[in-house]
C-alpha atoms as a PDB file:
ATOM      1  CA  UNK A   1     -19.840   6.266  -3.560  1.00  0.00           C
ATOM      2  CA  UNK A   2     -17.648   7.790  -5.860  1.00  0.00           C
ATOM      3  CA  UNK A   3     -13.896   6.313  -6.355  1.00  0.00           C
ATOM      4  CA  UNK A   4     -12.953  10.162  -4.896  1.00  0.00           C
ATOM      5  CA  UNK A   5     -14.904   9.408  -1.941  1.00  0.00           C
ATOM      6  CA  UNK A   6     -13.800   6.041  -1.423  1.00  0.00           C
ATOM      7  CA  UNK A   7     -10.126   7.665  -1.407  1.00  0.00           C
ATOM      8  CA  UNK A   8     -11.140  10.019   1.603  1.00  0.00           C
ATOM      9  CA  UNK A   9     -12.682   6.905   3.211  1.00  0.00           C
ATOM     10  CA  UNK A  10      -9.387   4.929   2.791  1.00  0.00           C
ATOM     11  CA  UNK A  11      -7.107   7.516   3.744  1.00  0.00           C
ATOM     12  CA  UNK A  12      -9.150   8.657   6.947  1.00  0.00           C
ATOM     13  CA  UNK A  13      -9.514   4.613   8.446  1.00  0.00           C
ATOM     14  CA  UNK A  14      -5.335   4.643   7.945  1.00  0.00           C
ATOM     15  CA  UNK A  15      -5.228   7.805   9.812  1.00  0.00           C
ATOM     16  CA  UNK A  16      -7.530   6.946  12.947  1.00  0.00           C
ATOM     17  CA  UNK A  17      -6.135   3.661  12.691  1.00  0.00           C
ATOM     18  CA  UNK A  18      -2.801   5.659  13.252  1.00  0.00           C
ATOM     19  CA  UNK A  19      -3.892   7.955  15.899  1.00  0.00           C
ATOM     20  CA  UNK A  20      -5.316   4.614  17.783  1.00  0.00           C
ATOM     21  CA  UNK A  21      -1.865   2.725  17.637  1.00  0.00           C
ATOM     22  CA  UNK A  22      -0.396   5.936  18.184  1.00  0.00           C
ATOM     23  CA  UNK A  23      -2.551   6.459  21.818  1.00  0.00           C
ATOM     24  CA  UNK A  24      -4.503   9.666  20.873  1.00  0.00           C
ATOM     25  CA  UNK A  25      -7.268   8.597  20.530  1.00  0.00           C
ATOM     26  CA  UNK A  26      -8.823   7.994  24.476  1.00  0.00           C
ATOM     27  CA  UNK A  27     -11.598   9.521  26.566  1.00  0.00           C
ATOM     28  CA  UNK A  28     -12.552  13.363  25.372  1.00  0.00           C
ATOM     29  CA  UNK A  29     -11.874  15.435  28.179  1.00  0.00           C
ATOM     30  CA  UNK A  30     -11.568  18.416  26.605  1.00  0.00           C
ATOM     31  CA  UNK A  31     -13.631  20.976  24.296  1.00  0.00           C
ATOM     32  CA  UNK A  32     -12.454  23.230  22.475  1.00  0.00           C
ATOM     33  CA  UNK A  33     -14.049  25.828  20.147  1.00  0.00           C
ATOM     34  CA  UNK A  34     -12.825  28.350  17.403  1.00  0.00           C
ATOM     35  CA  UNK A  35     -14.217  30.811  14.619  1.00  0.00           C
ATOM     36  CA  UNK A  36     -13.268  29.538  11.025  1.00  0.00           C
ATOM     37  CA  UNK A  37     -14.547  31.558   7.798  1.00  0.00           C
ATOM     38  CA  UNK A  38     -17.210  29.686   5.916  1.00  0.00           C
ATOM     39  CA  UNK A  39     -14.721  28.906   2.886  1.00  0.00           C
ATOM     40  CA  UNK A  40     -12.113  27.310   5.273  1.00  0.00           C
ATOM     41  CA  UNK A  41     -14.606  25.019   6.340  1.00  0.00           C
ATOM     42  CA  UNK A  42     -16.337  24.023   3.492  1.00  0.00           C
ATOM     43  CA  UNK A  43     -12.941  23.802   1.529  1.00  0.00           C
ATOM     44  CA  UNK A  44     -11.430  20.996   4.579  1.00  0.00           C
ATOM     45  CA  UNK A  45     -14.764  19.337   4.168  1.00  0.00           C
ATOM     46  CA  UNK A  46     -14.599  18.902   0.918  1.00  0.00           C
ATOM     47  CA  UNK A  47     -11.207  18.082   0.822  1.00  0.00           C
ATOM     48  CA  UNK A  48     -11.641  15.591   3.297  1.00  0.00           C
ATOM     49  CA  UNK A  49     -15.337  14.085   2.900  1.00  0.00           C
ATOM     50  CA  UNK A  50     -15.790  15.359   6.260  1.00  0.00           C
ATOM     51  CA  UNK A  51     -19.298  16.595   6.866  1.00  0.00           C
ATOM     52  CA  UNK A  52     -19.237  16.742  10.647  1.00  0.00           C
ATOM     53  CA  UNK A  53     -17.744  19.914  12.326  1.00  0.00           C
ATOM     54  CA  UNK A  54     -16.328  17.611  15.333  1.00  0.00           C
ATOM     55  CA  UNK A  55     -15.184  14.637  13.530  1.00  0.00           C
ATOM     56  CA  UNK A  56     -13.577  17.545  10.561  1.00  0.00           C
ATOM     57  CA  UNK A  57     -11.445  19.325  14.185  1.00  0.00           C
ATOM     58  CA  UNK A  58     -10.793  16.161  15.049  1.00  0.00           C
ATOM     59  CA  UNK A  59      -9.407  14.793  11.926  1.00  0.00           C
ATOM     60  CA  UNK A  60      -7.382  17.892  11.524  1.00  0.00           C
ATOM     61  CA  UNK A  61      -5.761  17.703  15.125  1.00  0.00           C
ATOM     62  CA  UNK A  62      -4.626  14.283  14.641  1.00  0.00           C
ATOM     63  CA  UNK A  63      -3.314  14.825  10.981  1.00  0.00           C
ATOM     64  CA  UNK A  64      -1.081  17.646  12.858  1.00  0.00           C
ATOM     65  CA  UNK A  65      -0.233  15.362  15.441  1.00  0.00           C
ATOM     66  CA  UNK A  66       0.717  12.220  13.283  1.00  0.00           C
ATOM     67  CA  UNK A  67       3.002  15.050  10.888  1.00  0.00           C
ATOM     68  CA  UNK A  68       5.865  13.585   9.294  1.00  0.00           C
ATOM     69  CA  UNK A  69       9.034  14.876  10.363  1.00  0.00           C
ATOM     70  CA  UNK A  70      10.214  14.522   6.609  1.00  0.00           C
ATOM     71  CA  UNK A  71      11.820  18.054   6.787  1.00  0.00           C
ATOM     72  CA  UNK A  72      13.724  18.277   9.627  1.00  0.00           C
ATOM     73  CA  UNK A  73      15.325  14.734   9.159  1.00  0.00           C
ATOM     74  CA  UNK A  74      16.560  15.959   5.349  1.00  0.00           C
ATOM     75  CA  UNK A  75      17.869  19.479   7.164  1.00  0.00           C
ATOM     76  CA  UNK A  76      19.680  17.590  10.051  1.00  0.00           C
ATOM     77  CA  UNK A  77      21.229  15.335   7.120  1.00  0.00           C
ATOM     78  CA  UNK A  78      23.047  18.472   5.456  1.00  0.00           C
ATOM     79  CA  UNK A  79      26.481  17.801   4.593  1.00  0.00           C
ATOM     80  CA  UNK A  80      26.267  14.485   4.860  1.00  0.00           C
ATOM     81  CA  UNK A  81      25.982  12.884   1.240  1.00  0.00           C
ATOM     82  CA  UNK A  82      29.204  13.011  -0.724  1.00  0.00           C
ATOM     83  CA  UNK A  83      29.239  15.562  -3.423  1.00  0.00           C
ATOM     84  CA  UNK A  84      28.701  13.751  -7.345  1.00  0.00           C
ATOM     85  CA  UNK A  85      26.124  11.479  -5.749  1.00  0.00           C
ATOM     86  CA  UNK A  86      22.944  12.925  -7.626  1.00  0.00           C
ATOM     87  CA  UNK A  87      24.980  14.020 -10.606  1.00  0.00           C
ATOM     88  CA  UNK A  88      26.419  12.284 -14.077  1.00  0.00           C
ATOM     89  CA  UNK A  89      29.815  13.420 -13.319  1.00  0.00           C
END
């Protein structure tokens, strides 16, 4: 296994662990289907290191469900940092 493949596996393991701890993984009760471009699927498989379509879709949904809300938190802080905090003045 290459270092790159190992990195993908390590990241996937952490994401799956977070999903498990968040209660997102459980009995599979719903079927989901869609049509996607071949280029999108192949690129997603290459980047993620996942080769099985169902696993790829599951991983994509988990990543979205666990997505950080950093942007929202940052915007909510607008006006709370005193002027000059980040300048040399």
